[in-house]
Amino acid sequence: MARGPRNGPYICGIDAALDVVSGKWKALILWELNAHAVRRFAQLRRGLPGVSEKMLTQHLREMEADGLVRRTVYAEVPPKVEYSLTERGHTLNQALGPLGDWGTERMRRDGSDRVDMTDAHG
């Protein structure tokens, strides 16, 4: 279920889109779930070096509320919880693809010394 505007009415589509991917980790969570289809919390945390447990929990809750992430709880002991992208999450991830391409070109052009996360899963 999608939430309404967090900061008042939107002024354009970019504003509405950025509302759901605001923050450093949301786009990376989308990327990680797209690369691996289904992830448990600890797997997501390992795949996103530097994210705190609190921040990952907060972002996953917001993304679930925005209809981007599906949280599946299995009735096991201990409880098993898996996260995956919804169709809406997949379409947002596809929309972010050109932005990622732009960022990769920027890193190449600027000779950035930042870590290339694609190598982390290759």
Protein backbone atom coordinates (compact mmCIF):
# COMPACT_ATOMS: atom_id res chain seq x y z
CA MET A 1 0.00 0.00 0.00
CA ALA A 2 1.54 3.31 -1.11
CA ARG A 3 1.79 6.15 1.33
CA GLY A 4 0.87 9.71 0.50
CA PRO A 5 3.37 12.55 0.15
CA ARG A 6 5.71 12.84 3.11
CA ASN A 7 6.67 16.46 2.53
CA GLY A 8 3.51 17.98 1.13
CA PRO A 9 2.20 17.85 -2.44
CA TYR A 10 4.56 16.84 -5.25
CA ILE A 11 5.53 19.42 -7.84
CA CYS A 12 6.50 16.91 -10.56
CA GLY A 13 7.11 13.23 -11.27
CA ILE A 14 10.79 13.44 -10.30
CA ASP A 15 9.75 14.79 -6.90
CA ALA A 16 7.35 11.85 -6.41
CA ALA A 17 9.98 9.32 -7.53
CA LEU A 18 12.72 10.75 -5.33
CA ASP A 19 10.34 10.61 -2.37
CA VAL A 20 10.40 6.79 -2.43
CA VAL A 21 14.14 6.41 -3.11
CA SER A 22 15.37 9.19 -0.84
CA GLY A 23 18.29 8.26 1.34
CA LYS A 24 21.53 6.52 0.51
CA TRP A 25 20.38 2.94 0.95
CA LYS A 26 17.01 2.56 -0.78
CA ALA A 27 18.32 2.47 -4.34
CA LEU A 28 21.06 0.08 -3.21
CA ILE A 29 18.48 -2.18 -1.53
CA LEU A 30 16.56 -2.23 -4.83
CA TRP A 31 19.78 -3.09 -6.66
CA GLU A 32 20.67 -5.87 -4.22
CA LEU A 33 17.20 -7.44 -4.36
CA ASN A 34 17.18 -7.20 -8.15
CA ALA A 35 20.55 -8.97 -8.33
CA HIS A 36 19.54 -11.79 -5.98
CA ALA A 37 15.73 -12.01 -6.23
CA VAL A 38 15.22 -13.08 -2.59
CA ARG A 39 17.30 -12.09 0.43
CA ARG A 40 17.11 -12.59 4.15
CA PHE A 41 17.90 -9.62 6.38
CA ALA A 42 21.46 -10.73 7.20
CA GLN A 43 22.19 -11.35 3.51
CA LEU A 44 21.00 -7.85 2.63
CA ARG A 45 23.12 -6.39 5.40
CA ARG A 46 26.23 -8.21 4.17
CA GLY A 47 25.53 -7.11 0.61
CA LEU A 48 25.38 -3.45 1.66
CA PRO A 49 28.60 -2.72 3.56
CA GLY A 50 28.18 0.19 5.93
CA VAL A 51 24.41 0.06 6.43
CA SER A 52 23.35 -0.19 10.07
CA GLU A 53 20.74 -2.67 11.25
CA LYS A 54 18.50 0.21 12.30
CA MET A 55 18.73 2.00 8.94
CA LEU A 56 18.17 -1.19 6.93
CA THR A 57 15.11 -2.05 9.05
CA GLN A 58 13.72 1.48 8.64
CA HIS A 59 14.24 1.54 4.87
CA LEU A 60 12.78 -1.95 4.37
CA ARG A 61 9.66 -0.95 6.34
CA GLU A 62 9.25 2.23 4.28
CA MET A 63 9.83 0.37 1.02
CA GLU A 64 7.28 -2.28 2.02
CA ALA A 65 4.76 0.47 2.82
CA ASP A 66 5.49 2.06 -0.59
CA GLY A 67 4.79 -1.25 -2.32
CA LEU A 68 8.36 -1.77 -3.53
CA VAL A 69 9.43 -4.68 -1.32
CA ARG A 70 7.58 -7.82 -0.31
CA ARG A 71 8.27 -9.24 3.17
CA THR A 72 7.47 -12.93 3.52
CA VAL A 73 7.42 -14.45 7.00
CA TYR A 74 7.59 -18.24 7.35
CA ALA A 75 6.10 -19.92 10.40
CA GLU A 76 9.29 -21.59 11.57
CA VAL A 77 11.35 -21.56 14.73
CA PRO A 78 13.36 -19.43 14.59
CA PRO A 79 11.24 -17.26 12.29
CA LYS A 80 12.42 -17.02 8.69
CA VAL A 81 11.82 -13.71 6.89
CA GLU A 82 12.64 -13.08 3.24
CA TYR A 83 12.56 -9.89 1.20
CA SER A 84 11.95 -9.60 -2.53
CA LEU A 85 10.93 -6.94 -5.04
CA THR A 86 7.31 -6.44 -6.00
CA GLU A 87 6.41 -5.63 -9.61
CA ARG A 88 6.44 -1.95 -8.63
CA GLY A 89 9.94 -2.41 -7.19
CA HIS A 90 11.11 -4.04 -10.43
CA THR A 91 9.77 -1.17 -12.54
CA LEU A 92 11.45 1.40 -10.28
CA ASN A 93 14.71 -0.54 -10.50
CA GLN A 94 14.46 -0.48 -14.31
CA ALA A 95 13.82 3.27 -14.21
CA LEU A 96 16.95 3.75 -12.09
CA GLY A 97 19.09 1.83 -14.62
CA PRO A 98 19.91 4.89 -16.76
CA LEU A 99 20.81 6.84 -13.61
CA GLY A 100 23.21 4.06 -12.65
CA ASP A 101 24.72 4.15 -16.15
CA TRP A 102 25.20 7.91 -15.79
CA GLY A 103 26.89 7.40 -12.41
CA THR A 104 29.19 4.70 -13.80
CA GLU A 105 30.25 7.05 -16.59
CA ARG A 106 30.84 9.79 -14.02
CA MET A 107 33.08 7.50 -11.97
CA ARG A 108 35.01 6.52 -15.10
CA ARG A 109 35.37 10.12 -16.25
CA ASP A 110 36.36 11.46 -12.84
CA GLY A 111 38.69 8.56 -12.05
CA SER A 112 36.72 7.99 -8.87
CA ASP A 113 38.33 5.80 -6.24
CA ARG A 114 34.96 4.70 -4.90
CA VAL A 115 34.25 0.98 -4.68
CA ASP A 116 32.51 -0.53 -7.70
CA MET A 117 29.76 -2.56 -6.02
CA THR A 118 29.24 -4.68 -9.15
CA ASP A 119 32.50 -6.44 -8.28
CA ALA A 120 31.10 -7.38 -4.88
CA HIS A 121 28.70 -9.86 -6.50
CA GLY A 122 30.62 -10.84 -9.61
